[in-house]
């Protein structure tokens, strides 16, 4: 779980540093990102019971790291990994999060920052639709509160 998170953050750092002209540091961080990602792929979380936890510990975070690495390198293998680990090709209306089942928010936000022309257009549109759907759910939930603030509508205020 931590290696996929690290890979995603390292890839983003490499992209930012590269944009700032710090090429040597960018290459170092990209190398770290690749090593963390490759290690996580080769060593999936073991002992996870059920498909739900498998998705939480392996697929959702792999999708996040793959999106960040694709955005940084434009290597097709990372794009393919993102598409294979997420539901948006087969289920364009897939939610970002289902409590106790999956949480694709990091992956979705990483993918939506990729320029649409470099992404799979239909998947990019589906991800944007899922983000909007989640935002609208929060907005509807907050509209019912005596004091207007955003919170998950199914989570108690306490």
C-alpha atoms as a PDB file:
ATOM      1  CA  UNK A   1       0.000   0.000   0.000  1.00  0.00           C
ATOM      2  CA  UNK A   2       2.714   2.463   1.000  1.00  0.00           C
ATOM      3  CA  UNK A   3       4.872   1.693  -2.026  1.00  0.00           C
ATOM      4  CA  UNK A   4       2.118   2.663  -4.463  1.00  0.00           C
ATOM      5  CA  UNK A   5       1.509   5.894  -2.555  1.00  0.00           C
ATOM      6  CA  UNK A   6       5.238   6.624  -2.560  1.00  0.00           C
ATOM      7  CA  UNK A   7       5.499   5.869  -6.271  1.00  0.00           C
ATOM      8  CA  UNK A   8       2.698   8.319  -7.046  1.00  0.00           C
ATOM      9  CA  UNK A   9       4.121  11.095  -4.881  1.00  0.00           C
ATOM     10  CA  UNK A  10       7.655  10.537  -6.206  1.00  0.00           C
ATOM     11  CA  UNK A  11       6.422  10.659  -9.817  1.00  0.00           C
ATOM     12  CA  UNK A  12       4.601  13.915  -9.131  1.00  0.00           C
ATOM     13  CA  UNK A  13       7.717  15.344  -7.474  1.00  0.00           C
ATOM     14  CA  UNK A  14       9.786  14.352 -10.518  1.00  0.00           C
ATOM     15  CA  UNK A  15       7.314  16.096 -12.822  1.00  0.00           C
ATOM     16  CA  UNK A  16       7.304  19.278 -10.723  1.00  0.00           C
ATOM     17  CA  UNK A  17      11.087  19.365 -10.377  1.00  0.00           C
ATOM     18  CA  UNK A  18      11.486  18.764 -14.106  1.00  0.00           C
ATOM     19  CA  UNK A  19       9.171  21.687 -14.803  1.00  0.00           C
ATOM     20  CA  UNK A  20      11.346  23.849 -12.571  1.00  0.00           C
ATOM     21  CA  UNK A  21      14.421  22.931 -14.586  1.00  0.00           C
ATOM     22  CA  UNK A  22      15.909  20.735 -11.858  1.00  0.00           C
ATOM     23  CA  UNK A  23      16.583  17.843 -14.240  1.00  0.00           C
ATOM     24  CA  UNK A  24      19.024  15.848 -12.063  1.00  0.00           C
ATOM     25  CA  UNK A  25      16.688  15.852  -9.069  1.00  0.00           C
ATOM     26  CA  UNK A  26      13.772  15.041 -11.346  1.00  0.00           C
ATOM     27  CA  UNK A  27      15.568  11.959 -12.704  1.00  0.00           C
ATOM     28  CA  UNK A  28      16.404  10.822  -9.160  1.00  0.00           C
ATOM     29  CA  UNK A  29      12.780  11.099  -8.006  1.00  0.00           C
ATOM     30  CA  UNK A  30      11.524   9.381 -11.153  1.00  0.00           C
ATOM     31  CA  UNK A  31      13.937   6.513 -10.503  1.00  0.00           C
ATOM     32  CA  UNK A  32      12.572   6.215  -6.976  1.00  0.00           C
ATOM     33  CA  UNK A  33       9.014   6.272  -8.325  1.00  0.00           C
ATOM     34  CA  UNK A  34       9.737   3.496 -10.813  1.00  0.00           C
ATOM     35  CA  UNK A  35      11.461   1.333  -8.186  1.00  0.00           C
ATOM     36  CA  UNK A  36       8.613   1.798  -5.687  1.00  0.00           C
ATOM     37  CA  UNK A  37       6.017   0.993  -8.352  1.00  0.00           C
ATOM     38  CA  UNK A  38       7.866  -2.055  -9.656  1.00  0.00           C
ATOM     39  CA  UNK A  39       8.350  -3.333  -6.115  1.00  0.00           C
ATOM     40  CA  UNK A  40       4.656  -2.891  -5.294  1.00  0.00           C
ATOM     41  CA  UNK A  41       3.586  -4.674  -8.490  1.00  0.00           C
ATOM     42  CA  UNK A  42       5.941  -7.577  -7.720  1.00  0.00           C
ATOM     43  CA  UNK A  43       4.883  -7.721  -4.050  1.00  0.00           C
ATOM     44  CA  UNK A  44       1.109  -7.238  -3.789  1.00  0.00           C
ATOM     45  CA  UNK A  45      -0.330  -6.992  -0.313  1.00  0.00           C
ATOM     46  CA  UNK A  46      -0.818 -10.523   0.957  1.00  0.00           C
ATOM     47  CA  UNK A  47      -3.264 -11.879   3.486  1.00  0.00           C
ATOM     48  CA  UNK A  48      -6.040  -9.576   2.379  1.00  0.00           C
ATOM     49  CA  UNK A  49      -9.381 -11.288   2.725  1.00  0.00           C
ATOM     50  CA  UNK A  50     -11.978 -10.655   0.067  1.00  0.00           C
ATOM     51  CA  UNK A  51     -12.169  -8.790  -3.190  1.00  0.00           C
ATOM     52  CA  UNK A  52     -13.051  -5.541  -1.418  1.00  0.00           C
ATOM     53  CA  UNK A  53      -9.814  -5.338   0.526  1.00  0.00           C
ATOM     54  CA  UNK A  54      -7.808  -6.544  -2.481  1.00  0.00           C
ATOM     55  CA  UNK A  55      -9.176  -3.588  -4.437  1.00  0.00           C
ATOM     56  CA  UNK A  56      -8.455  -1.157  -1.603  1.00  0.00           C
ATOM     57  CA  UNK A  57      -4.897  -2.311  -0.969  1.00  0.00           C
ATOM     58  CA  UNK A  58      -3.827  -3.111  -4.510  1.00  0.00           C
ATOM     59  CA  UNK A  59      -5.973  -1.825  -7.356  1.00  0.00           C
ATOM     60  CA  UNK A  60      -6.982   1.668  -6.230  1.00  0.00           C
ATOM     61  CA  UNK A  61      -3.480   2.676  -5.173  1.00  0.00           C
ATOM     62  CA  UNK A  62      -1.924   1.038  -8.216  1.00  0.00           C
ATOM     63  CA  UNK A  63      -4.230   3.152 -10.360  1.00  0.00           C
ATOM     64  CA  UNK A  64      -3.123   6.306  -8.526  1.00  0.00           C
ATOM     65  CA  UNK A  65       0.582   5.525  -8.946  1.00  0.00           C
ATOM     66  CA  UNK A  66       0.101   4.496 -12.583  1.00  0.00           C
ATOM     67  CA  UNK A  67      -1.715   7.758 -13.385  1.00  0.00           C
ATOM     68  CA  UNK A  68       1.064   9.816 -11.794  1.00  0.00           C
ATOM     69  CA  UNK A  69       3.775   7.833 -13.597  1.00  0.00           C
ATOM     70  CA  UNK A  70       1.940   8.120 -16.906  1.00  0.00           C
ATOM     71  CA  UNK A  71       1.550  11.870 -16.442  1.00  0.00           C
ATOM     72  CA  UNK A  72       5.276  12.159 -15.750  1.00  0.00           C
ATOM     73  CA  UNK A  73       6.676   9.777 -18.382  1.00  0.00           C
ATOM     74  CA  UNK A  74       3.922   9.357 -21.019  1.00  0.00           C
ATOM     75  CA  UNK A  75       4.846   5.661 -21.100  1.00  0.00           C
ATOM     76  CA  UNK A  76       1.933   3.616 -22.382  1.00  0.00           C
ATOM     77  CA  UNK A  77       2.424   0.781 -19.864  1.00  0.00           C
ATOM     78  CA  UNK A  78       1.424   3.079 -17.001  1.00  0.00           C
ATOM     79  CA  UNK A  79      -1.655   4.248 -18.858  1.00  0.00           C
ATOM     80  CA  UNK A  80      -2.629   0.640 -19.505  1.00  0.00           C
ATOM     81  CA  UNK A  81      -2.108  -0.176 -15.810  1.00  0.00           C
ATOM     82  CA  UNK A  82      -4.382   2.717 -14.824  1.00  0.00           C
ATOM     83  CA  UNK A  83      -7.093   1.588 -17.239  1.00  0.00           C
ATOM     84  CA  UNK A  84      -6.813  -2.047 -16.101  1.00  0.00           C
ATOM     85  CA  UNK A  85      -7.062  -1.128 -12.409  1.00  0.00           C
ATOM     86  CA  UNK A  86     -10.100   1.151 -12.689  1.00  0.00           C
ATOM     87  CA  UNK A  87     -13.728   0.553 -13.698  1.00  0.00           C
ATOM     88  CA  UNK A  88     -14.340   3.531 -16.002  1.00  0.00           C
ATOM     89  CA  UNK A  89     -13.906   1.754 -19.354  1.00  0.00           C
ATOM     90  CA  UNK A  90     -16.583  -0.804 -18.522  1.00  0.00           C
ATOM     91  CA  UNK A  91     -18.653   1.303 -16.105  1.00  0.00           C
ATOM     92  CA  UNK A  92     -18.453   4.985 -17.054  1.00  0.00           C
ATOM     93  CA  UNK A  93     -20.740   5.981 -14.160  1.00  0.00           C
ATOM     94  CA  UNK A  94     -18.629   4.245 -11.496  1.00  0.00           C
ATOM     95  CA  UNK A  95     -18.493   6.064  -8.181  1.00  0.00           C
ATOM     96  CA  UNK A  96     -15.244   7.400  -6.763  1.00  0.00           C
ATOM     97  CA  UNK A  97     -15.779   5.843  -3.393  1.00  0.00           C
ATOM     98  CA  UNK A  98     -17.850   3.170  -1.756  1.00  0.00           C
ATOM     99  CA  UNK A  99     -17.315   2.859   1.989  1.00  0.00           C
ATOM    100  CA  UNK A 100     -15.725  -0.453   2.830  1.00  0.00           C
ATOM    101  CA  UNK A 101     -15.248  -1.380  -0.808  1.00  0.00           C
ATOM    102  CA  UNK A 102     -13.022   0.995  -2.763  1.00  0.00           C
ATOM    103  CA  UNK A 103     -11.692   4.527  -2.848  1.00  0.00           C
ATOM    104  CA  UNK A 104     -10.618   5.748  -6.270  1.00  0.00           C
ATOM    105  CA  UNK A 105     -10.414   9.438  -5.389  1.00  0.00           C
ATOM    106  CA  UNK A 106      -6.613   9.716  -5.587  1.00  0.00           C
ATOM    107  CA  UNK A 107      -6.541   7.833  -8.876  1.00  0.00           C
ATOM    108  CA  UNK A 108      -9.337   9.947 -10.341  1.00  0.00           C
ATOM    109  CA  UNK A 109      -7.781  13.256  -9.331  1.00  0.00           C
ATOM    110  CA  UNK A 110      -4.396  12.177 -10.690  1.00  0.00           C
ATOM    111  CA  UNK A 111      -5.959  11.124 -14.010  1.00  0.00           C
ATOM    112  CA  UNK A 112      -8.082  14.216 -14.480  1.00  0.00           C
ATOM    113  CA  UNK A 113      -4.934  16.375 -14.320  1.00  0.00           C
ATOM    114  CA  UNK A 114      -3.605  14.604 -17.401  1.00  0.00           C
ATOM    115  CA  UNK A 115      -4.406  16.667 -20.512  1.00  0.00           C
ATOM    116  CA  UNK A 116      -7.474  15.098 -22.137  1.00  0.00           C
ATOM    117  CA  UNK A 117      -5.682  14.666 -25.473  1.00  0.00           C
ATOM    118  CA  UNK A 118      -3.048  12.469 -23.749  1.00  0.00           C
ATOM    119  CA  UNK A 119      -5.683  10.389 -21.934  1.00  0.00           C
ATOM    120  CA  UNK A 120      -8.356   7.998 -23.130  1.00  0.00           C
ATOM    121  CA  UNK A 121     -11.026  10.600 -23.928  1.00  0.00           C
ATOM    122  CA  UNK A 122     -14.013   8.467 -22.947  1.00  0.00           C
ATOM    123  CA  UNK A 123     -12.380   7.394 -19.686  1.00  0.00           C
ATOM    124  CA  UNK A 124     -11.277  10.968 -18.931  1.00  0.00           C
ATOM    125  CA  UNK A 125     -14.881  12.138 -19.430  1.00  0.00           C
ATOM    126  CA  UNK A 126     -16.162   9.303 -17.214  1.00  0.00           C
ATOM    127  CA  UNK A 127     -13.666  10.201 -14.459  1.00  0.00           C
ATOM    128  CA  UNK A 128     -14.718  13.847 -14.635  1.00  0.00           C
ATOM    129  CA  UNK A 129     -18.355  12.748 -14.436  1.00  0.00           C
ATOM    130  CA  UNK A 130     -17.593  10.675 -11.335  1.00  0.00           C
ATOM    131  CA  UNK A 131     -15.828  13.605  -9.676  1.00  0.00           C
ATOM    132  CA  UNK A 132     -18.791  15.868 -10.439  1.00  0.00           C
ATOM    133  CA  UNK A 133     -21.248  13.263  -9.139  1.00  0.00           C
ATOM    134  CA  UNK A 134     -19.353  13.039  -5.836  1.00  0.00           C
ATOM    135  CA  UNK A 135     -19.187  16.843  -5.511  1.00  0.00           C
ATOM    136  CA  UNK A 136     -22.924  17.116  -6.172  1.00  0.00           C
ATOM    137  CA  UNK A 137     -23.623  14.474  -3.504  1.00  0.00           C
ATOM    138  CA  UNK A 138     -21.686  16.545  -0.966  1.00  0.00           C
ATOM    139  CA  UNK A 139     -23.486  19.700  -2.068  1.00  0.00           C
ATOM    140  CA  UNK A 140     -26.924  18.065  -1.745  1.00  0.00           C
ATOM    141  CA  UNK A 141     -26.006  16.710   1.675  1.00  0.00           C
ATOM    142  CA  UNK A 142     -24.821  20.075   2.951  1.00  0.00           C
ATOM    143  CA  UNK A 143     -27.953  21.805   1.675  1.00  0.00           C
ATOM    144  CA  UNK A 144     -29.989  19.861   4.232  1.00  0.00           C
ATOM    145  CA  UNK A 145     -27.930  21.084   7.198  1.00  0.00           C
ATOM    146  CA  UNK A 146     -28.976  23.888   9.499  1.00  0.00           C
ATOM    147  CA  UNK A 147     -25.453  25.303   9.202  1.00  0.00           C
ATOM    148  CA  UNK A 148     -24.070  25.129   5.679  1.00  0.00           C
ATOM    149  CA  UNK A 149     -20.833  23.179   5.528  1.00  0.00           C
ATOM    150  CA  UNK A 150     -19.577  20.356   3.361  1.00  0.00           C
ATOM    151  CA  UNK A 151     -19.401  16.903   4.861  1.00  0.00           C
ATOM    152  CA  UNK A 152     -20.095  13.425   3.686  1.00  0.00           C
ATOM    153  CA  UNK A 153     -23.886  13.196   3.866  1.00  0.00           C
ATOM    154  CA  UNK A 154     -23.837   9.716   5.380  1.00  0.00           C
ATOM    155  CA  UNK A 155     -21.277  10.468   8.093  1.00  0.00           C
ATOM    156  CA  UNK A 156     -22.446  11.813  11.453  1.00  0.00           C
ATOM    157  CA  UNK A 157     -21.342  15.304  12.446  1.00  0.00           C
ATOM    158  CA  UNK A 158     -19.789  14.004  15.651  1.00  0.00           C
END
